Amino acid sequence: MDRYERILSLHRILKSARYPVTVKRLQDELECSRATAYRDLAFLRDALMAPIMGDGEAGFRYDPGEGERFELPGLWLNSEELHALLAAQQLLSRTGGGVLSSALAPLQQRIEKLLEEHAPGKRWPVERVRVIPHRTRTMDEQVFRIVCSSVLERKQLSFEYRARSTDEKTRRTVSPQRVTHYRGNWYLDVYDHERDALRSFSVDRISTPRMQDADARDVPDAELNEHLAGSYGIFSGAPKGWATIVFNQKIARWVADERWHSKQQDRVLPDGRFERKVPYSAPRELLMDILHYGPDAEIVEPASLREQMKAMLELAVSNYQK
């Protein structure tokens, strides 16, 4: 345990202690010598102005009247937190040029400074942390900023939206509820005033956004979760049915470790195959994800979803029969 970790641990021990803590206990918990425990106590009291009271015989604690208010100045990190910060720094640097790059540049600089302050002169091998973007979409940074501002400032938002499936462009006025990052892309969950319904929009398909003066209508979290996360996928809506998918023994152990939906129902069949049931509304995303498993997965129910998958597979095969 290095000194930063010891000081942080010492602070936590004294802050939570109802009775004086002996030096022997501090030695055991901080994994240090008696002399080191005294040096850390002195540093915490004299340099950081901690309200320490007591002595080596009776033990040490924070003054009851001031201990609740005292916090360590600045940012103190143990080794696990430092490693997490290092990973975050690498994530920011490897996503340069993305929609958040300019906004997060000052934060990245701050992280680098903190790493240097923690261990002066030490080189952190950030190249050992790999971040590989996958299927991310190009997005207008200014659009993203306005969308996020409307969510945080709780203001209505108007914009043009070009649907990916039909390429139809419509003008919408909505009450933004939250932004969602899903599979490498950003989505805006809203209450659509014209349609009097909850909707999700892909932010990369939004153009000419304008934040309005009118306050956004707030939808309770429980209602948002029920509607927008009630079924499989990002454009879920209220569940219209349950899909039953069976995976063969070869892929079963992999699928068993995956979380598809909060309400999924799983079981291992007697022959070793794996069955998963999930609620769904719009079937396209679910069909595409099942298609990913090829011959290792089979839709059992409902018959309508099974027929849709059959049609997709037949169309795919026809591309190779020309």
C-alpha atoms as a PDB file:
ATOM      1  CA  MET A   1       0.000   0.000   0.000  1.00  0.00           C
ATOM      2  CA  ASP A   2       1.576   3.317  -1.033  1.00  0.00           C
ATOM      3  CA  ARG A   3       1.336   6.552   0.966  1.00  0.00           C
ATOM      4  CA  TYR A   4      -1.647   7.931  -0.955  1.00  0.00           C
ATOM      5  CA  GLU A   5      -3.618   4.787  -0.202  1.00  0.00           C
ATOM      6  CA  ARG A   6      -2.582   4.818   3.454  1.00  0.00           C
ATOM      7  CA  ILE A   7      -3.640   8.449   3.958  1.00  0.00           C
ATOM      8  CA  LEU A   8      -6.968   7.773   2.258  1.00  0.00           C
ATOM      9  CA  SER A   9      -7.513   4.627   4.341  1.00  0.00           C
ATOM     10  CA  LEU A  10      -6.465   6.404   7.536  1.00  0.00           C
ATOM     11  CA  HIS A  11      -8.963   9.189   6.840  1.00  0.00           C
ATOM     12  CA  ARG A  12     -11.752   6.672   6.279  1.00  0.00           C
ATOM     13  CA  ILE A  13     -10.908   4.752   9.466  1.00  0.00           C
ATOM     14  CA  LEU A  14     -10.881   7.870  11.651  1.00  0.00           C
ATOM     15  CA  LYS A  15     -13.983   9.348  10.024  1.00  0.00           C
ATOM     16  CA  SER A  16     -16.053   6.222  10.647  1.00  0.00           C
ATOM     17  CA  ALA A  17     -14.685   5.451  14.129  1.00  0.00           C
ATOM     18  CA  ARG A  18     -17.054   6.040  17.058  1.00  0.00           C
ATOM     19  CA  TYR A  19     -14.284   5.406  19.588  1.00  0.00           C
ATOM     20  CA  PRO A  20     -10.511   6.094  19.565  1.00  0.00           C
ATOM     21  CA  VAL A  21      -8.510   3.791  17.291  1.00  0.00           C
ATOM     22  CA  THR A  22      -5.305   2.347  18.680  1.00  0.00           C
ATOM     23  CA  VAL A  23      -2.011   2.580  16.829  1.00  0.00           C
ATOM     24  CA  LYS A  24      -1.845  -1.222  16.784  1.00  0.00           C
ATOM     25  CA  ARG A  25      -5.113  -1.389  14.850  1.00  0.00           C
ATOM     26  CA  LEU A  26      -3.859   1.297  12.470  1.00  0.00           C
ATOM     27  CA  GLN A  27      -0.689  -0.732  11.858  1.00  0.00           C
ATOM     28  CA  ASP A  28      -2.743  -3.813  11.031  1.00  0.00           C
ATOM     29  CA  GLU A  29      -5.250  -2.076   8.757  1.00  0.00           C
ATOM     30  CA  LEU A  30      -2.704   0.137   7.002  1.00  0.00           C
ATOM     31  CA  GLU A  31      -0.125  -2.670   6.773  1.00  0.00           C
ATOM     32  CA  CYS A  32       2.670  -0.440   8.034  1.00  0.00           C
ATOM     33  CA  SER A  33       5.095  -0.005  10.899  1.00  0.00           C
ATOM     34  CA  ARG A  34       4.383   1.909  14.123  1.00  0.00           C
ATOM     35  CA  ALA A  35       6.648   4.754  13.001  1.00  0.00           C
ATOM     36  CA  THR A  36       4.885   5.014   9.642  1.00  0.00           C
ATOM     37  CA  ALA A  37       1.472   5.135  11.340  1.00  0.00           C
ATOM     38  CA  TYR A  38       2.640   8.049  13.495  1.00  0.00           C
ATOM     39  CA  ARG A  39       4.112   9.875  10.477  1.00  0.00           C
ATOM     40  CA  ASP A  40       0.837   9.497   8.553  1.00  0.00           C
ATOM     41  CA  LEU A  41      -1.162  10.740  11.551  1.00  0.00           C
ATOM     42  CA  ALA A  42       1.110  13.764  11.814  1.00  0.00           C
ATOM     43  CA  PHE A  43       0.832  14.495   8.081  1.00  0.00           C
ATOM     44  CA  LEU A  44      -2.953  14.204   8.175  1.00  0.00           C
ATOM     45  CA  ARG A  45      -3.155  16.506  11.215  1.00  0.00           C
ATOM     46  CA  ASP A  46      -0.461  19.095  10.418  1.00  0.00           C
ATOM     47  CA  ALA A  47      -0.414  19.283   6.622  1.00  0.00           C
ATOM     48  CA  LEU A  48      -4.052  18.519   5.812  1.00  0.00           C
ATOM     49  CA  MET A  49      -5.508  20.135   8.953  1.00  0.00           C
ATOM     50  CA  ALA A  50      -7.510  17.059   9.973  1.00  0.00           C
ATOM     51  CA  PRO A  51      -9.227  17.455  13.398  1.00  0.00           C
ATOM     52  CA  ILE A  52      -7.331  14.545  15.004  1.00  0.00           C
ATOM     53  CA  MET A  53      -7.462  14.183  18.758  1.00  0.00           C
ATOM     54  CA  GLY A  54      -6.001  11.595  21.138  1.00  0.00           C
ATOM     55  CA  ASP A  55      -2.629  10.027  21.871  1.00  0.00           C
ATOM     56  CA  GLY A  56      -0.721   6.788  21.406  1.00  0.00           C
ATOM     57  CA  GLU A  57      -2.019   5.189  24.585  1.00  0.00           C
ATOM     58  CA  ALA A  58      -5.761   5.877  24.317  1.00  0.00           C
ATOM     59  CA  GLY A  59      -5.871   5.933  20.535  1.00  0.00           C
ATOM     60  CA  PHE A  60      -6.857   8.517  17.925  1.00  0.00           C
ATOM     61  CA  ARG A  61     -10.123   9.756  16.433  1.00  0.00           C
ATOM     62  CA  TYR A  62     -11.584  12.825  14.756  1.00  0.00           C
ATOM     63  CA  ASP A  63     -13.062  15.547  16.926  1.00  0.00           C
ATOM     64  CA  PRO A  64     -16.818  14.744  17.083  1.00  0.00           C
ATOM     65  CA  GLY A  65     -17.779  18.343  16.366  1.00  0.00           C
ATOM     66  CA  GLU A  66     -15.543  18.798  13.322  1.00  0.00           C
ATOM     67  CA  GLY A  67     -14.976  15.307  11.954  1.00  0.00           C
ATOM     68  CA  GLU A  68     -18.273  15.167  10.064  1.00  0.00           C
ATOM     69  CA  ARG A  69     -17.393  18.322   8.140  1.00  0.00           C
ATOM     70  CA  PHE A  70     -13.786  17.479   7.372  1.00  0.00           C
ATOM     71  CA  GLU A  71     -12.884  16.037   3.966  1.00  0.00           C
ATOM     72  CA  LEU A  72      -9.533  15.509   2.307  1.00  0.00           C
ATOM     73  CA  PRO A  73      -8.627  18.436   0.044  1.00  0.00           C
ATOM     74  CA  GLY A  74      -8.376  17.849  -3.681  1.00  0.00           C
ATOM     75  CA  LEU A  75      -8.659  14.431  -5.286  1.00  0.00           C
ATOM     76  CA  TRP A  76      -7.174  11.405  -3.526  1.00  0.00           C
ATOM     77  CA  LEU A  77      -6.908   8.114  -5.358  1.00  0.00           C
ATOM     78  CA  ASN A  78      -6.076   4.589  -4.317  1.00  0.00           C
ATOM     79  CA  SER A  79      -4.433   2.245  -6.835  1.00  0.00           C
ATOM     80  CA  GLU A  80      -7.721   0.778  -8.125  1.00  0.00           C
ATOM     81  CA  GLU A  81      -9.202   4.250  -8.681  1.00  0.00           C
ATOM     82  CA  LEU A  82      -5.996   5.370 -10.363  1.00  0.00           C
ATOM     83  CA  HIS A  83      -6.089   2.435 -12.769  1.00  0.00           C
ATOM     84  CA  ALA A  84      -9.737   3.198 -13.568  1.00  0.00           C
ATOM     85  CA  LEU A  85      -8.772   6.811 -14.236  1.00  0.00           C
ATOM     86  CA  LEU A  86      -5.956   5.628 -16.475  1.00  0.00           C
ATOM     87  CA  ALA A  87      -8.419   3.540 -18.491  1.00  0.00           C
ATOM     88  CA  ALA A  88     -10.718   6.553 -18.766  1.00  0.00           C
ATOM     89  CA  GLN A  89      -7.817   8.666 -20.007  1.00  0.00           C
ATOM     90  CA  GLN A  90      -7.071   6.121 -22.699  1.00  0.00           C
ATOM     91  CA  LEU A  91     -10.734   5.924 -23.664  1.00  0.00           C
ATOM     92  CA  LEU A  92     -10.822   9.694 -24.187  1.00  0.00           C
ATOM     93  CA  SER A  93      -7.595   9.741 -26.193  1.00  0.00           C
ATOM     94  CA  ARG A  94      -8.636   6.836 -28.420  1.00  0.00           C
ATOM     95  CA  THR A  95     -11.990   8.409 -29.242  1.00  0.00           C
ATOM     96  CA  GLY A  96     -10.415  11.606 -30.549  1.00  0.00           C
ATOM     97  CA  GLY A  97     -12.378  13.202 -33.363  1.00  0.00           C
ATOM     98  CA  GLY A  98     -15.630  11.851 -31.987  1.00  0.00           C
ATOM     99  CA  VAL A  99     -18.660  13.840 -30.975  1.00  0.00           C
ATOM    100  CA  LEU A 100     -17.318  14.431 -27.460  1.00  0.00           C
ATOM    101  CA  SER A 101     -13.663  15.036 -28.317  1.00  0.00           C
ATOM    102  CA  SER A 102     -13.536  18.838 -28.043  1.00  0.00           C
ATOM    103  CA  ALA A 103     -15.863  18.983 -25.033  1.00  0.00           C
ATOM    104  CA  LEU A 104     -13.824  16.377 -23.142  1.00  0.00           C
ATOM    105  CA  ALA A 105     -10.379  17.687 -24.090  1.00  0.00           C
ATOM    106  CA  PRO A 106     -10.037  19.747 -20.866  1.00  0.00           C
ATOM    107  CA  LEU A 107     -11.040  16.702 -18.819  1.00  0.00           C
ATOM    108  CA  GLN A 108      -8.429  14.575 -20.559  1.00  0.00           C
ATOM    109  CA  GLN A 109      -5.774  17.189 -19.772  1.00  0.00           C
ATOM    110  CA  ARG A 110      -6.877  17.210 -16.138  1.00  0.00           C
ATOM    111  CA  ILE A 111      -6.612  13.421 -15.922  1.00  0.00           C
ATOM    112  CA  GLU A 112      -3.094  13.517 -17.355  1.00  0.00           C
ATOM    113  CA  LYS A 113      -2.133  16.150 -14.771  1.00  0.00           C
ATOM    114  CA  LEU A 114      -3.552  14.048 -11.932  1.00  0.00           C
ATOM    115  CA  LEU A 115      -1.581  11.026 -13.106  1.00  0.00           C
ATOM    116  CA  GLU A 116       1.587  13.089 -13.135  1.00  0.00           C
ATOM    117  CA  GLU A 117       0.875  14.497  -9.655  1.00  0.00           C
ATOM    118  CA  HIS A 118       0.308  11.010  -8.262  1.00  0.00           C
ATOM    119  CA  ALA A 119       3.639   9.687  -9.495  1.00  0.00           C
ATOM    120  CA  PRO A 120       5.964  12.437 -10.772  1.00  0.00           C
ATOM    121  CA  GLY A 121       8.192  11.335 -13.599  1.00  0.00           C
ATOM    122  CA  LYS A 122       6.513   7.963 -13.990  1.00  0.00           C
ATOM    123  CA  ARG A 123       5.413   6.967 -17.476  1.00  0.00           C
ATOM    124  CA  TRP A 124       1.985   5.330 -17.579  1.00  0.00           C
ATOM    125  CA  PRO A 125       1.767   2.733 -20.410  1.00  0.00           C
ATOM    126  CA  VAL A 126      -1.592   3.944 -21.740  1.00  0.00           C
ATOM    127  CA  GLU A 127      -1.049   2.011 -24.953  1.00  0.00           C
ATOM    128  CA  ARG A 128      -1.690  -1.144 -22.913  1.00  0.00           C
ATOM    129  CA  VAL A 129      -5.374  -0.182 -22.718  1.00  0.00           C
ATOM    130  CA  ARG A 130      -7.134  -0.884 -26.015  1.00  0.00           C
ATOM    131  CA  VAL A 131     -10.371   0.814 -27.055  1.00  0.00           C
ATOM    132  CA  ILE A 132     -11.747  -0.310 -30.414  1.00  0.00           C
ATOM    133  CA  PRO A 133     -14.767   1.634 -31.717  1.00  0.00           C
ATOM    134  CA  HIS A 134     -17.249  -0.606 -33.507  1.00  0.00           C
ATOM    135  CA  ARG A 135     -19.943   0.501 -35.935  1.00  0.00           C
ATOM    136  CA  THR A 136     -20.079   4.047 -34.637  1.00  0.00           C
ATOM    137  CA  ARG A 137     -21.956   6.636 -36.681  1.00  0.00           C
ATOM    138  CA  THR A 138     -20.857  10.063 -37.835  1.00  0.00           C
ATOM    139  CA  MET A 139     -22.626  12.757 -35.853  1.00  0.00           C
ATOM    140  CA  ASP A 140     -22.719  16.555 -35.968  1.00  0.00           C
ATOM    141  CA  GLU A 141     -21.132  17.789 -32.728  1.00  0.00           C
ATOM    142  CA  GLN A 142     -23.203  20.973 -32.662  1.00  0.00           C
ATOM    143  CA  VAL A 143     -26.416  18.953 -32.988  1.00  0.00           C
ATOM    144  CA  PHE A 144     -25.305  16.731 -30.132  1.00  0.00           C
ATOM    145  CA  ARG A 145     -24.527  19.731 -27.916  1.00  0.00           C
ATOM    146  CA  ILE A 146     -27.962  21.300 -28.483  1.00  0.00           C
ATOM    147  CA  VAL A 147     -29.719  17.995 -27.882  1.00  0.00           C
ATOM    148  CA  CYS A 148     -27.859  17.440 -24.602  1.00  0.00           C
ATOM    149  CA  SER A 149     -28.444  21.041 -23.493  1.00  0.00           C
ATOM    150  CA  SER A 150     -32.190  20.675 -23.997  1.00  0.00           C
ATOM    151  CA  VAL A 151     -32.190  17.521 -21.873  1.00  0.00           C
ATOM    152  CA  LEU A 152     -30.163  19.061 -19.049  1.00  0.00           C
ATOM    153  CA  GLU A 153     -31.928  22.445 -19.088  1.00  0.00           C
ATOM    154  CA  ARG A 154     -35.362  20.779 -19.320  1.00  0.00           C
ATOM    155  CA  LYS A 155     -36.502  22.768 -22.372  1.00  0.00           C
ATOM    156  CA  GLN A 156     -38.599  21.675 -25.343  1.00  0.00           C
ATOM    157  CA  LEU A 157     -36.738  20.945 -28.578  1.00  0.00           C
ATOM    158  CA  SER A 158     -37.747  21.209 -32.220  1.00  0.00           C
ATOM    159  CA  PHE A 159     -35.845  19.521 -35.059  1.00  0.00           C
ATOM    160  CA  GLU A 160     -36.070  17.825 -38.422  1.00  0.00           C
ATOM    161  CA  TYR A 161     -35.798  14.063 -38.401  1.00  0.00           C
ATOM    162  CA  ARG A 162     -35.042  11.812 -41.372  1.00  0.00           C
ATOM    163  CA  ALA A 163     -36.141   8.256 -40.646  1.00  0.00           C
ATOM    164  CA  ARG A 164     -33.522   5.683 -41.561  1.00  0.00           C
ATOM    165  CA  SER A 165     -36.015   3.073 -42.736  1.00  0.00           C
ATOM    166  CA  THR A 166     -38.125   5.296 -45.052  1.00  0.00           C
ATOM    167  CA  ASP A 167     -35.868   8.364 -45.538  1.00  0.00           C
ATOM    168  CA  GLU A 168     -38.949  10.461 -44.775  1.00  0.00           C
ATOM    169  CA  LYS A 169     -38.233  13.876 -43.225  1.00  0.00           C
ATOM    170  CA  THR A 170     -40.582  15.273 -40.565  1.00  0.00           C
ATOM    171  CA  ARG A 171     -40.537  18.246 -38.205  1.00  0.00           C
ATOM    172  CA  ARG A 172     -40.904  17.365 -34.533  1.00  0.00           C
ATOM    173  CA  THR A 173     -41.449  19.343 -31.317  1.00  0.00           C
ATOM    174  CA  VAL A 174     -40.672  17.265 -28.272  1.00  0.00           C
ATOM    175  CA  SER A 175     -39.970  17.311 -24.565  1.00  0.00           C
ATOM    176  CA  PRO A 176     -36.544  15.639 -24.192  1.00  0.00           C
ATOM    177  CA  GLN A 177     -36.343  13.150 -21.340  1.00  0.00           C
ATOM    178  CA  ARG A 178     -32.843  11.683 -21.582  1.00  0.00           C
ATOM    179  CA  VAL A 179     -30.007  10.773 -23.932  1.00  0.00           C
ATOM    180  CA  THR A 180     -29.038   7.114 -24.216  1.00  0.00           C
ATOM    181  CA  HIS A 181     -25.746   5.625 -25.414  1.00  0.00           C
ATOM    182  CA  TYR A 182     -26.479   2.254 -26.986  1.00  0.00           C
ATOM    183  CA  ARG A 183     -24.166   0.053 -29.050  1.00  0.00           C
ATOM    184  CA  GLY A 184     -21.781   2.885 -29.795  1.00  0.00           C
ATOM    185  CA  ASN A 185     -24.461   5.385 -30.827  1.00  0.00           C
ATOM    186  CA  TRP A 186     -26.580   8.079 -29.187  1.00  0.00           C
ATOM    187  CA  TYR A 187     -30.369   8.215 -28.956  1.00  0.00           C
ATOM    188  CA  LEU A 188     -32.780  10.837 -27.640  1.00  0.00           C
ATOM    189  CA  ASP A 189     -35.767   9.653 -25.599  1.00  0.00           C
ATOM    190  CA  VAL A 190     -38.632  12.147 -25.755  1.00  0.00           C
ATOM    191  CA  TYR A 191     -42.288  12.871 -25.228  1.00  0.00           C
ATOM    192  CA  ASP A 192     -43.574  13.720 -28.741  1.00  0.00           C
ATOM    193  CA  HIS A 193     -46.230  16.437 -28.379  1.00  0.00           C
ATOM    194  CA  GLU A 194     -47.851  15.992 -31.792  1.00  0.00           C
ATOM    195  CA  ARG A 195     -48.200  12.220 -31.397  1.00  0.00           C
ATOM    196  CA  ASP A 196     -48.890  12.371 -27.662  1.00  0.00           C
ATOM    197  CA  ALA A 197     -46.520   9.450 -27.109  1.00  0.00           C
ATOM    198  CA  LEU A 198     -43.027   8.481 -25.987  1.00  0.00           C
ATOM    199  CA  ARG A 199     -40.484   8.045 -28.768  1.00  0.00           C
ATOM    200  CA  SER A 200     -36.748   7.476 -29.313  1.00  0.00           C
ATOM    201  CA  PHE A 201     -34.765   9.209 -32.059  1.00  0.00           C
ATOM    202  CA  SER A 202     -31.301   8.421 -33.350  1.00  0.00           C
ATOM    203  CA  VAL A 203     -29.316  11.637 -32.783  1.00  0.00           C
ATOM    204  CA  ASP A 204     -27.311  11.213 -35.994  1.00  0.00           C
ATOM    205  CA  ARG A 205     -30.603  11.553 -37.959  1.00  0.00           C
ATOM    206  CA  ILE A 206     -31.533  14.859 -36.276  1.00  0.00           C
ATOM    207  CA  SER A 207     -30.860  18.145 -38.068  1.00  0.00           C
ATOM    208  CA  THR A 208     -31.481  21.878 -37.418  1.00  0.00           C
ATOM    209  CA  PRO A 209     -32.330  21.454 -33.717  1.00  0.00           C
ATOM    210  CA  ARG A 210     -33.684  24.502 -31.887  1.00  0.00           C
ATOM    211  CA  MET A 211     -34.070  24.679 -28.121  1.00  0.00           C
ATOM    212  CA  GLN A 212     -37.366  26.367 -27.224  1.00  0.00           C
ATOM    213  CA  ASP A 213     -38.243  28.726 -24.370  1.00  0.00           C
ATOM    214  CA  ALA A 214     -41.063  26.452 -23.206  1.00  0.00           C
ATOM    215  CA  ASP A 215     -40.306  24.055 -20.369  1.00  0.00           C
ATOM    216  CA  ALA A 216     -40.184  20.365 -21.205  1.00  0.00           C
ATOM    217  CA  ARG A 217     -42.913  18.099 -19.949  1.00  0.00           C
ATOM    218  CA  ASP A 218     -41.407  15.668 -17.458  1.00  0.00           C
ATOM    219  CA  VAL A 219     -42.379  12.013 -17.688  1.00  0.00           C
ATOM    220  CA  PRO A 220     -41.889   9.893 -14.545  1.00  0.00           C
ATOM    221  CA  ASP A 221     -38.910   7.529 -14.661  1.00  0.00           C
ATOM    222  CA  ALA A 222     -41.127   4.522 -14.035  1.00  0.00           C
ATOM    223  CA  GLU A 223     -43.218   5.335 -17.109  1.00  0.00           C
ATOM    224  CA  LEU A 224     -40.115   5.945 -19.217  1.00  0.00           C
ATOM    225  CA  ASN A 225     -38.587   2.639 -18.176  1.00  0.00           C
ATOM    226  CA  GLU A 226     -41.788   0.730 -18.757  1.00  0.00           C
ATOM    227  CA  HIS A 227     -42.289   2.107 -22.256  1.00  0.00           C
ATOM    228  CA  LEU A 228     -38.746   2.646 -23.546  1.00  0.00           C
ATOM    229  CA  ALA A 229     -37.095  -0.330 -21.858  1.00  0.00           C
ATOM    230  CA  GLY A 230     -40.064  -2.652 -21.657  1.00  0.00           C
ATOM    231  CA  SER A 231     -39.184  -4.569 -24.816  1.00  0.00           C
ATOM    232  CA  TYR A 232     -36.088  -5.753 -26.618  1.00  0.00           C
ATOM    233  CA  GLY A 233     -33.906  -3.149 -28.345  1.00  0.00           C
ATOM    234  CA  ILE A 234     -33.559   0.616 -28.418  1.00  0.00           C
ATOM    235  CA  PHE A 235     -36.822   1.368 -30.266  1.00  0.00           C
ATOM    236  CA  SER A 236     -38.745  -0.929 -27.991  1.00  0.00           C
ATOM    237  CA  GLY A 237     -42.103   0.435 -26.903  1.00  0.00           C
ATOM    238  CA  ALA A 238     -44.575  -1.527 -24.838  1.00  0.00           C
ATOM    239  CA  PRO A 239     -44.195  -5.328 -25.277  1.00  0.00           C
ATOM    240  CA  LYS A 240     -46.447  -6.903 -27.888  1.00  0.00           C
ATOM    241  CA  GLY A 241     -45.321 -10.460 -27.304  1.00  0.00           C
ATOM    242  CA  TRP A 242     -42.577 -12.808 -26.156  1.00  0.00           C
ATOM    243  CA  ALA A 243     -40.005 -14.431 -28.395  1.00  0.00           C
ATOM    244  CA  THR A 244     -38.640 -17.879 -27.567  1.00  0.00           C
ATOM    245  CA  ILE A 245     -35.203 -18.645 -29.015  1.00  0.00           C
ATOM    246  CA  VAL A 246     -33.328 -21.929 -28.650  1.00  0.00           C
ATOM    247  CA  PHE A 247     -29.545 -22.137 -29.039  1.00  0.00           C
ATOM    248  CA  ASN A 248     -27.632 -25.334 -29.697  1.00  0.00           C
ATOM    249  CA  GLN A 249     -25.133 -26.831 -27.263  1.00  0.00           C
ATOM    250  CA  LYS A 250     -22.146 -25.292 -29.047  1.00  0.00           C
ATOM    251  CA  ILE A 251     -23.220 -21.707 -28.394  1.00  0.00           C
ATOM    252  CA  ALA A 252     -25.313 -22.238 -25.241  1.00  0.00           C
ATOM    253  CA  ARG A 253     -22.623 -21.375 -22.692  1.00  0.00           C
ATOM    254  CA  TRP A 254     -21.844 -18.101 -24.488  1.00  0.00           C
ATOM    255  CA  VAL A 255     -25.448 -16.939 -24.709  1.00  0.00           C
ATOM    256  CA  ALA A 256     -26.083 -17.913 -21.079  1.00  0.00           C
ATOM    257  CA  ASP A 257     -23.563 -15.258 -19.990  1.00  0.00           C
ATOM    258  CA  GLU A 258     -25.217 -12.505 -22.078  1.00  0.00           C
ATOM    259  CA  ARG A 259     -27.831 -10.107 -20.745  1.00  0.00           C
ATOM    260  CA  TRP A 260     -30.344  -9.258 -23.461  1.00  0.00           C
ATOM    261  CA  HIS A 261     -33.146  -7.799 -21.376  1.00  0.00           C
ATOM    262  CA  SER A 262     -33.954  -7.171 -17.712  1.00  0.00           C
ATOM    263  CA  LYS A 263     -36.958  -9.538 -17.931  1.00  0.00           C
ATOM    264  CA  GLN A 264     -35.388 -12.321 -19.959  1.00  0.00           C
ATOM    265  CA  GLN A 265     -36.279 -15.867 -18.947  1.00  0.00           C
ATOM    266  CA  ASP A 266     -33.596 -18.531 -19.379  1.00  0.00           C
ATOM    267  CA  ARG A 267     -33.409 -22.280 -18.909  1.00  0.00           C
ATOM    268  CA  VAL A 268     -31.198 -25.176 -19.961  1.00  0.00           C
ATOM    269  CA  LEU A 269     -33.140 -27.834 -21.856  1.00  0.00           C
ATOM    270  CA  PRO A 270     -32.740 -31.552 -21.047  1.00  0.00           C
ATOM    271  CA  ASP A 271     -30.709 -32.151 -24.228  1.00  0.00           C
ATOM    272  CA  GLY A 272     -28.192 -29.402 -23.344  1.00  0.00           C
ATOM    273  CA  ARG A 273     -29.613 -26.694 -25.562  1.00  0.00           C
ATOM    274  CA  PHE A 274     -30.333 -23.247 -24.101  1.00  0.00           C
ATOM    275  CA  GLU A 275     -33.688 -21.465 -24.235  1.00  0.00           C
ATOM    276  CA  ARG A 276     -34.188 -17.720 -23.851  1.00  0.00           C
ATOM    277  CA  LYS A 277     -37.460 -15.782 -23.803  1.00  0.00           C
ATOM    278  CA  VAL A 278     -37.543 -11.989 -24.219  1.00  0.00           C
ATOM    279  CA  PRO A 279     -40.377  -9.455 -24.582  1.00  0.00           C
ATOM    280  CA  TYR A 280     -40.377  -7.559 -27.863  1.00  0.00           C
ATOM    281  CA  SER A 281     -42.344  -4.926 -29.745  1.00  0.00           C
ATOM    282  CA  ALA A 282     -40.603  -3.897 -32.975  1.00  0.00           C
ATOM    283  CA  PRO A 283     -39.035  -7.168 -34.202  1.00  0.00           C
ATOM    284  CA  ARG A 284     -36.331  -5.939 -36.582  1.00  0.00           C
ATOM    285  CA  GLU A 285     -33.499  -5.468 -34.088  1.00  0.00           C
ATOM    286  CA  LEU A 286     -34.277  -8.768 -32.384  1.00  0.00           C
ATOM    287  CA  LEU A 287     -34.311 -10.583 -35.730  1.00  0.00           C
ATOM    288  CA  MET A 288     -30.969  -9.073 -36.755  1.00  0.00           C
ATOM    289  CA  ASP A 289     -29.371 -10.081 -33.447  1.00  0.00           C
ATOM    290  CA  ILE A 290     -30.648 -13.653 -33.713  1.00  0.00           C
ATOM    291  CA  LEU A 291     -29.449 -13.778 -37.316  1.00  0.00           C
ATOM    292  CA  HIS A 292     -25.981 -13.072 -35.962  1.00  0.00           C
ATOM    293  CA  TYR A 293     -25.908 -16.628 -34.539  1.00  0.00           C
ATOM    294  CA  GLY A 294     -26.739 -18.226 -37.897  1.00  0.00           C
ATOM    295  CA  PRO A 295     -27.471 -21.969 -37.682  1.00  0.00           C
ATOM    296  CA  ASP A 296     -26.780 -22.013 -33.930  1.00  0.00           C
ATOM    297  CA  ALA A 297     -30.095 -20.294 -33.077  1.00  0.00           C
ATOM    298  CA  GLU A 298     -33.737 -21.023 -33.858  1.00  0.00           C
ATOM    299  CA  ILE A 299     -36.864 -18.967 -33.152  1.00  0.00           C
ATOM    300  CA  VAL A 300     -39.468 -21.323 -31.729  1.00  0.00           C
ATOM    301  CA  GLU A 301     -42.269 -18.880 -30.941  1.00  0.00           C
ATOM    302  CA  PRO A 302     -44.257 -16.972 -31.996  1.00  0.00           C
ATOM    303  CA  ALA A 303     -45.004 -18.372 -35.446  1.00  0.00           C
ATOM    304  CA  SER A 304     -45.162 -14.876 -36.987  1.00  0.00           C
ATOM    305  CA  LEU A 305     -41.630 -14.032 -35.829  1.00  0.00           C
ATOM    306  CA  ARG A 306     -40.418 -17.426 -36.996  1.00  0.00           C
ATOM    307  CA  GLU A 307     -41.883 -16.763 -40.461  1.00  0.00           C
ATOM    308  CA  GLN A 308     -40.209 -13.349 -40.619  1.00  0.00           C
ATOM    309  CA  MET A 309     -36.847 -14.928 -39.877  1.00  0.00           C
ATOM    310  CA  LYS A 310     -37.492 -17.617 -42.483  1.00  0.00           C
ATOM    311  CA  ALA A 311     -38.240 -14.937 -45.095  1.00  0.00           C
ATOM    312  CA  MET A 312     -35.055 -13.032 -44.216  1.00  0.00           C
ATOM    313  CA  LEU A 313     -32.950 -16.174 -44.545  1.00  0.00           C
ATOM    314  CA  GLU A 314     -34.538 -17.069 -47.882  1.00  0.00           C
ATOM    315  CA  LEU A 315     -33.807 -13.592 -49.211  1.00  0.00           C
ATOM    316  CA  ALA A 316     -30.224 -13.866 -47.997  1.00  0.00           C
ATOM    317  CA  VAL A 317     -29.775 -17.245 -49.709  1.00  0.00           C
ATOM    318  CA  SER A 318     -31.235 -15.851 -52.944  1.00  0.00           C
ATOM    319  CA  ASN A 319     -28.373 -13.351 -53.112  1.00  0.00           C
ATOM    320  CA  TYR A 320     -25.962 -16.274 -53.560  1.00  0.00           C
ATOM    321  CA  GLN A 321     -28.027 -18.121 -56.154  1.00  0.00           C
ATOM    322  CA  LYS A 322     -27.781 -15.550 -58.932  1.00  0.00           C
END
